């Protein structure tokens, strides 16, 4: 349960950071902490449940592009999250750049907290 809450907070923090530094992703006016947490939860669930299915379905494209099509899958995940939450995206290009930034920020945050076996 503790790891789940930590992942939820990290996803939420990553979304917040990216929306602060990049104009292609933003939350609707008046969005509060609750909306950010819901978006972080949906982002985490989409990454855990939807992304593996999409990667499997797009495996031939991934092989042909040497894995670069994964960026498109990540952008689709951002668009799915945006369709279910107050997160707004400025086109597919905005989703693509936002997905790259989210990946970088999430990676950095995960490096800061360390592996899960070291936190116990």
N, C-alpha and C. Protein backbone atom coordinates (compact mmCIF):
# COMPACT_ATOMS: atom_id res chain seq x y z
N UNK A 1 0.83 -1.20 0.00
CA UNK A 1 0.00 0.00 0.00
C UNK A 1 0.87 1.26 0.00
N UNK A 2 1.97 1.17 0.74
CA UNK A 2 2.87 2.32 0.82
C UNK A 2 3.49 2.62 -0.54
N UNK A 3 3.87 1.56 -1.28
CA UNK A 3 4.44 1.77 -2.61
C UNK A 3 3.41 2.35 -3.56
N UNK A 4 2.16 1.92 -3.43
CA UNK A 4 1.10 2.45 -4.28
C UNK A 4 0.93 3.95 -4.05
N UNK A 5 0.89 4.35 -2.79
CA UNK A 5 0.74 5.77 -2.48
C UNK A 5 1.94 6.58 -2.95
N UNK A 6 3.12 6.00 -2.80
CA UNK A 6 4.33 6.68 -3.26
C UNK A 6 4.30 6.86 -4.77
N UNK A 7 3.90 5.83 -5.50
CA UNK A 7 3.80 5.93 -6.96
C UNK A 7 2.74 6.96 -7.37
N UNK A 8 1.63 6.98 -6.65
CA UNK A 8 0.59 7.97 -6.93
C UNK A 8 1.14 9.38 -6.75
N UNK A 9 1.84 9.61 -5.67
CA UNK A 9 2.41 10.94 -5.42
C UNK A 9 3.48 11.29 -6.45
N UNK A 10 4.29 10.31 -6.85
CA UNK A 10 5.32 10.58 -7.86
C UNK A 10 4.70 10.91 -9.21
N UNK A 11 3.66 10.16 -9.61
CA UNK A 11 2.98 10.46 -10.87
C UNK A 11 2.35 11.85 -10.83
N UNK A 12 1.73 12.17 -9.70
CA UNK A 12 1.11 13.48 -9.55
C UNK A 12 2.15 14.59 -9.59
N UNK A 13 3.25 14.39 -8.90
CA UNK A 13 4.32 15.38 -8.89
C UNK A 13 4.92 15.54 -10.28
N UNK A 14 5.12 14.45 -11.00
CA UNK A 14 5.66 14.53 -12.36
C UNK A 14 4.72 15.29 -13.27
N UNK A 15 3.42 15.01 -13.17
CA UNK A 15 2.44 15.75 -13.98
C UNK A 15 2.47 17.24 -13.64
N UNK A 16 2.52 17.54 -12.35
CA UNK A 16 2.54 18.94 -11.93
C UNK A 16 3.79 19.65 -12.46
N UNK A 17 4.95 19.02 -12.34
CA UNK A 17 6.20 19.63 -12.81
C UNK A 17 6.13 19.90 -14.31
N UNK A 18 5.68 18.90 -15.07
CA UNK A 18 5.63 19.07 -16.52
C UNK A 18 4.64 20.17 -16.91
N UNK A 19 3.50 20.24 -16.23
CA UNK A 19 2.54 21.30 -16.57
C UNK A 19 3.05 22.68 -16.20
N UNK A 20 3.99 22.75 -15.27
CA UNK A 20 4.56 24.03 -14.89
C UNK A 20 5.64 24.51 -15.86
N UNK A 21 6.36 23.56 -16.48
CA UNK A 21 7.49 23.96 -17.33
C UNK A 21 7.19 23.87 -18.82
N UNK A 22 6.11 23.22 -19.19
CA UNK A 22 5.80 23.03 -20.60
C UNK A 22 4.36 23.47 -20.88
N UNK A 23 4.19 24.33 -21.85
CA UNK A 23 2.88 24.88 -22.15
C UNK A 23 1.96 23.98 -22.95
N UNK A 24 2.47 22.87 -23.47
CA UNK A 24 1.65 21.97 -24.25
C UNK A 24 0.74 21.09 -23.40
N UNK A 25 1.05 20.96 -22.12
CA UNK A 25 0.21 20.24 -21.16
C UNK A 25 -0.14 21.21 -20.05
N UNK A 26 -1.42 21.26 -19.71
CA UNK A 26 -1.83 22.15 -18.62
C UNK A 26 -3.14 21.66 -18.05
N UNK A 27 -3.41 22.05 -16.83
CA UNK A 27 -4.67 21.71 -16.19
C UNK A 27 -5.64 22.87 -16.36
N UNK A 28 -6.92 22.53 -16.45
CA UNK A 28 -7.95 23.55 -16.59
C UNK A 28 -7.92 24.49 -15.40
N UNK A 29 -8.33 25.72 -15.62
CA UNK A 29 -8.36 26.70 -14.53
C UNK A 29 -9.22 26.19 -13.39
N UNK A 30 -8.78 26.46 -12.19
CA UNK A 30 -9.53 26.06 -11.02
C UNK A 30 -9.26 24.63 -10.58
N UNK A 31 -8.36 23.94 -11.27
CA UNK A 31 -8.03 22.57 -10.86
C UNK A 31 -7.23 22.62 -9.58
N UNK A 32 -7.62 21.77 -8.66
CA UNK A 32 -6.94 21.72 -7.37
C UNK A 32 -6.18 20.42 -7.19
N UNK A 33 -5.77 20.19 -5.97
CA UNK A 33 -4.97 19.01 -5.65
C UNK A 33 -5.73 17.73 -5.97
N UNK A 34 -7.03 17.72 -5.75
CA UNK A 34 -7.83 16.53 -6.04
C UNK A 34 -7.76 16.14 -7.50
N UNK A 35 -7.87 17.11 -8.38
CA UNK A 35 -7.79 16.83 -9.82
C UNK A 35 -6.40 16.34 -10.22
N UNK A 36 -5.38 16.91 -9.60
CA UNK A 36 -4.01 16.46 -9.87
C UNK A 36 -3.83 15.01 -9.41
N UNK A 37 -4.36 14.69 -8.23
CA UNK A 37 -4.24 13.32 -7.72
C UNK A 37 -5.00 12.32 -8.59
N UNK A 38 -6.19 12.70 -9.05
CA UNK A 38 -6.95 11.82 -9.94
C UNK A 38 -6.20 11.62 -11.25
N UNK A 39 -5.63 12.68 -11.79
CA UNK A 39 -4.85 12.56 -13.02
C UNK A 39 -3.63 11.68 -12.80
N UNK A 40 -2.97 11.82 -11.66
CA UNK A 40 -1.82 10.98 -11.35
C UNK A 40 -2.22 9.52 -11.22
N UNK A 41 -3.37 9.27 -10.62
CA UNK A 41 -3.87 7.89 -10.48
C UNK A 41 -4.19 7.30 -11.85
N UNK A 42 -4.90 8.05 -12.67
CA UNK A 42 -5.27 7.55 -14.00
C UNK A 42 -4.02 7.37 -14.86
N UNK A 43 -3.06 8.27 -14.73
CA UNK A 43 -1.80 8.14 -15.47
C UNK A 43 -1.07 6.86 -15.07
N UNK A 44 -1.01 6.59 -13.78
CA UNK A 44 -0.36 5.37 -13.31
C UNK A 44 -1.08 4.12 -13.76
N UNK A 45 -2.42 4.13 -13.68
CA UNK A 45 -3.20 2.98 -14.13
C UNK A 45 -3.06 2.77 -15.63
N UNK A 46 -3.07 3.84 -16.39
CA UNK A 46 -2.92 3.72 -17.85
C UNK A 46 -1.54 3.17 -18.21
N UNK A 47 -0.52 3.61 -17.49
CA UNK A 47 0.82 3.07 -17.74
C UNK A 47 0.92 1.61 -17.36
N UNK A 48 0.24 1.22 -16.30
CA UNK A 48 0.33 -0.17 -15.83
C UNK A 48 -0.55 -1.12 -16.63
N UNK A 49 -1.72 -0.67 -17.07
CA UNK A 49 -2.67 -1.57 -17.71
C UNK A 49 -2.77 -1.40 -19.23
N UNK A 50 -2.83 -0.18 -19.69
CA UNK A 50 -3.05 0.08 -21.11
C UNK A 50 -1.76 0.04 -21.93
N UNK A 51 -0.69 0.57 -21.38
CA UNK A 51 0.56 0.67 -22.13
C UNK A 51 1.10 -0.69 -22.58
N UNK A 52 1.11 -1.72 -21.72
CA UNK A 52 1.61 -3.02 -22.20
C UNK A 52 0.79 -3.59 -23.35
N UNK A 53 -0.52 -3.39 -23.32
CA UNK A 53 -1.38 -3.87 -24.40
C UNK A 53 -1.06 -3.12 -25.70
N UNK A 54 -0.94 -1.81 -25.61
CA UNK A 54 -0.61 -1.01 -26.79
C UNK A 54 0.77 -1.37 -27.35
N UNK A 55 1.72 -1.61 -26.46
CA UNK A 55 3.06 -1.98 -26.93
C UNK A 55 3.04 -3.33 -27.63
N UNK A 56 2.24 -4.25 -27.13
CA UNK A 56 2.13 -5.56 -27.78
C UNK A 56 1.46 -5.43 -29.14
N UNK A 57 0.40 -4.64 -29.22
CA UNK A 57 -0.30 -4.46 -30.49
C UNK A 57 0.54 -3.74 -31.53
N UNK A 58 1.43 -2.88 -31.09
CA UNK A 58 2.26 -2.11 -32.01
C UNK A 58 3.67 -2.66 -32.14
N UNK A 59 3.86 -3.90 -31.72
CA UNK A 59 5.20 -4.50 -31.75
C UNK A 59 5.86 -4.44 -33.13
N UNK A 60 5.15 -4.74 -34.22
CA UNK A 60 5.82 -4.63 -35.52
C UNK A 60 6.34 -3.22 -35.82
N UNK A 61 5.56 -2.20 -35.47
CA UNK A 61 6.02 -0.82 -35.67
C UNK A 61 7.22 -0.50 -34.80
N UNK A 62 7.20 -1.01 -33.57
CA UNK A 62 8.32 -0.80 -32.67
C UNK A 62 9.59 -1.43 -33.20
N UNK A 63 9.47 -2.63 -33.76
CA UNK A 63 10.64 -3.30 -34.32
C UNK A 63 11.17 -2.52 -35.52
N UNK A 64 10.26 -2.10 -36.41
CA UNK A 64 10.68 -1.36 -37.61
C UNK A 64 11.33 -0.03 -37.27
N UNK A 65 10.86 0.62 -36.21
CA UNK A 65 11.40 1.94 -35.85
C UNK A 65 12.46 1.86 -34.75
N UNK A 66 12.89 0.65 -34.46
CA UNK A 66 13.90 0.42 -33.42
C UNK A 66 13.49 1.00 -32.06
N UNK A 67 12.20 0.89 -31.75
CA UNK A 67 11.69 1.30 -30.45
C UNK A 67 11.18 2.72 -30.38
N UNK A 68 11.38 3.50 -31.42
CA UNK A 68 10.94 4.90 -31.37
C UNK A 68 9.43 5.04 -31.37
N UNK A 69 8.71 4.02 -31.85
CA UNK A 69 7.25 4.09 -31.85
C UNK A 69 6.70 4.08 -30.42
N UNK A 70 7.52 3.69 -29.46
CA UNK A 70 7.12 3.74 -28.05
C UNK A 70 6.78 5.17 -27.65
N UNK A 71 7.44 6.14 -28.25
CA UNK A 71 7.13 7.54 -27.96
C UNK A 71 5.70 7.87 -28.38
N UNK A 72 5.25 7.30 -29.48
CA UNK A 72 3.88 7.52 -29.94
C UNK A 72 2.90 6.87 -28.96
N UNK A 73 3.23 5.67 -28.48
CA UNK A 73 2.38 5.00 -27.50
C UNK A 73 2.30 5.84 -26.22
N UNK A 74 3.42 6.39 -25.79
CA UNK A 74 3.41 7.26 -24.60
C UNK A 74 2.53 8.49 -24.82
N UNK A 75 2.57 9.05 -26.02
CA UNK A 75 1.73 10.21 -26.33
C UNK A 75 0.25 9.82 -26.30
N UNK A 76 -0.07 8.64 -26.78
CA UNK A 76 -1.45 8.16 -26.73
C UNK A 76 -1.91 8.01 -25.29
N UNK A 77 -1.03 7.52 -24.42
CA UNK A 77 -1.36 7.40 -23.00
C UNK A 77 -1.67 8.78 -22.42
N UNK A 78 -0.88 9.77 -22.76
CA UNK A 78 -1.13 11.14 -22.28
C UNK A 78 -2.48 11.65 -22.80
N UNK A 79 -2.80 11.36 -24.05
CA UNK A 79 -4.09 11.77 -24.61
C UNK A 79 -5.26 11.07 -23.91
N UNK A 80 -5.08 9.80 -23.56
CA UNK A 80 -6.12 9.07 -22.83
C UNK A 80 -6.34 9.71 -21.47
N UNK A 81 -5.25 10.01 -20.77
CA UNK A 81 -5.36 10.66 -19.46
C UNK A 81 -6.04 12.01 -19.59
N UNK A 82 -5.70 12.75 -20.64
CA UNK A 82 -6.31 14.06 -20.85
C UNK A 82 -7.80 13.96 -21.15
N UNK A 83 -8.21 12.87 -21.78
CA UNK A 83 -9.63 12.74 -22.08
C UNK A 83 -10.46 12.38 -20.85
N UNK A 84 -9.81 11.87 -19.81
CA UNK A 84 -10.52 11.44 -18.61
C UNK A 84 -10.37 12.40 -17.42
N UNK A 85 -9.52 13.39 -17.55
CA UNK A 85 -9.21 14.30 -16.44
C UNK A 85 -9.23 15.74 -16.94
N UNK A 86 -9.07 16.72 -16.04
CA UNK A 86 -8.99 18.12 -16.47
C UNK A 86 -7.66 18.49 -17.14
N UNK A 87 -6.78 17.51 -17.34
CA UNK A 87 -5.53 17.77 -18.05
C UNK A 87 -5.86 18.08 -19.50
N UNK A 88 -5.26 19.13 -20.02
CA UNK A 88 -5.50 19.52 -21.40
C UNK A 88 -4.20 19.47 -22.18
N UNK A 89 -4.32 19.08 -23.44
CA UNK A 89 -3.15 18.89 -24.31
C UNK A 89 -3.35 19.70 -25.58
N UNK A 90 -2.29 20.34 -26.03
CA UNK A 90 -2.35 21.12 -27.28
C UNK A 90 -1.89 20.24 -28.44
N UNK A 91 -2.78 19.40 -28.92
CA UNK A 91 -2.50 18.57 -30.09
C UNK A 91 -1.63 17.37 -29.80
N UNK A 92 -1.44 16.57 -30.85
CA UNK A 92 -0.64 15.37 -30.69
C UNK A 92 0.82 15.70 -30.43
N UNK A 93 1.32 16.76 -31.05
CA UNK A 93 2.70 17.18 -30.80
C UNK A 93 2.93 17.57 -29.35
N UNK A 94 1.95 18.25 -28.78
CA UNK A 94 2.03 18.59 -27.37
C UNK A 94 2.04 17.36 -26.49
N UNK A 95 1.23 16.36 -26.87
CA UNK A 95 1.21 15.10 -26.12
C UNK A 95 2.54 14.37 -26.25
N UNK A 96 3.13 14.41 -27.45
CA UNK A 96 4.40 13.73 -27.68
C UNK A 96 5.53 14.35 -26.85
N UNK A 97 5.64 15.66 -26.90
CA UNK A 97 6.68 16.34 -26.11
C UNK A 97 6.38 16.18 -24.62
N UNK A 98 5.11 16.30 -24.24
CA UNK A 98 4.73 16.11 -22.85
C UNK A 98 5.05 14.72 -22.34
N UNK A 99 4.85 13.71 -23.18
CA UNK A 99 5.16 12.33 -22.79
C UNK A 99 6.65 12.15 -22.59
N UNK A 100 7.45 12.77 -23.45
CA UNK A 100 8.91 12.68 -23.29
C UNK A 100 9.33 13.35 -22.00
N UNK A 101 8.79 14.54 -21.74
CA UNK A 101 9.12 15.24 -20.50
C UNK A 101 8.66 14.48 -19.27
N UNK A 102 7.46 13.89 -19.35
CA UNK A 102 6.96 13.08 -18.23
C UNK A 102 7.87 11.90 -17.96
N UNK A 103 8.37 11.27 -19.01
CA UNK A 103 9.28 10.15 -18.84
C UNK A 103 10.57 10.58 -18.15
N UNK A 104 11.11 11.70 -18.59
CA UNK A 104 12.36 12.20 -18.01
C UNK A 104 12.15 12.60 -16.55
N UNK A 105 11.08 13.32 -16.27
CA UNK A 105 10.81 13.76 -14.89
C UNK A 105 10.53 12.56 -13.99
N UNK A 106 9.74 11.60 -14.47
CA UNK A 106 9.44 10.41 -13.67
C UNK A 106 10.71 9.62 -13.38
N UNK A 107 11.57 9.50 -14.40
CA UNK A 107 12.84 8.80 -14.21
C UNK A 107 13.68 9.50 -13.15
N UNK A 108 13.76 10.82 -13.22
CA UNK A 108 14.53 11.58 -12.23
C UNK A 108 13.97 11.43 -10.82
N UNK A 109 12.65 11.49 -10.69
CA UNK A 109 12.04 11.32 -9.37
C UNK A 109 12.26 9.93 -8.81
N UNK A 110 12.20 8.92 -9.67
CA UNK A 110 12.45 7.56 -9.23
C UNK A 110 13.91 7.37 -8.81
N UNK A 111 14.82 8.06 -9.46
CA UNK A 111 16.22 8.01 -9.04
C UNK A 111 16.40 8.64 -7.66
N UNK A 112 15.65 9.71 -7.40
CA UNK A 112 15.77 10.39 -6.11
C UNK A 112 15.31 9.53 -4.95
N UNK A 113 14.24 8.77 -5.15
CA UNK A 113 13.73 7.96 -4.03
C UNK A 113 14.39 6.60 -3.93
N UNK A 114 15.07 6.16 -4.98
CA UNK A 114 15.78 4.89 -4.95
C UNK A 114 14.85 3.71 -5.20
N UNK A 115 15.46 2.52 -5.34
CA UNK A 115 14.67 1.31 -5.57
C UNK A 115 13.77 0.97 -4.38
N UNK A 116 12.67 0.26 -4.67
CA UNK A 116 11.69 -0.06 -3.63
C UNK A 116 12.28 -0.96 -2.56
N UNK A 117 13.25 -1.81 -2.89
CA UNK A 117 13.81 -2.70 -1.87
C UNK A 117 14.71 -1.95 -0.88
N UNK A 118 15.19 -0.78 -1.24
CA UNK A 118 15.99 0.03 -0.32
C UNK A 118 15.14 0.88 0.61
N UNK A 119 13.85 1.08 0.28
CA UNK A 119 12.99 1.91 1.10
C UNK A 119 12.40 1.15 2.26
N UNK A 120 12.48 -0.15 2.25
CA UNK A 120 11.83 -0.94 3.32
C UNK A 120 12.70 -1.09 4.52
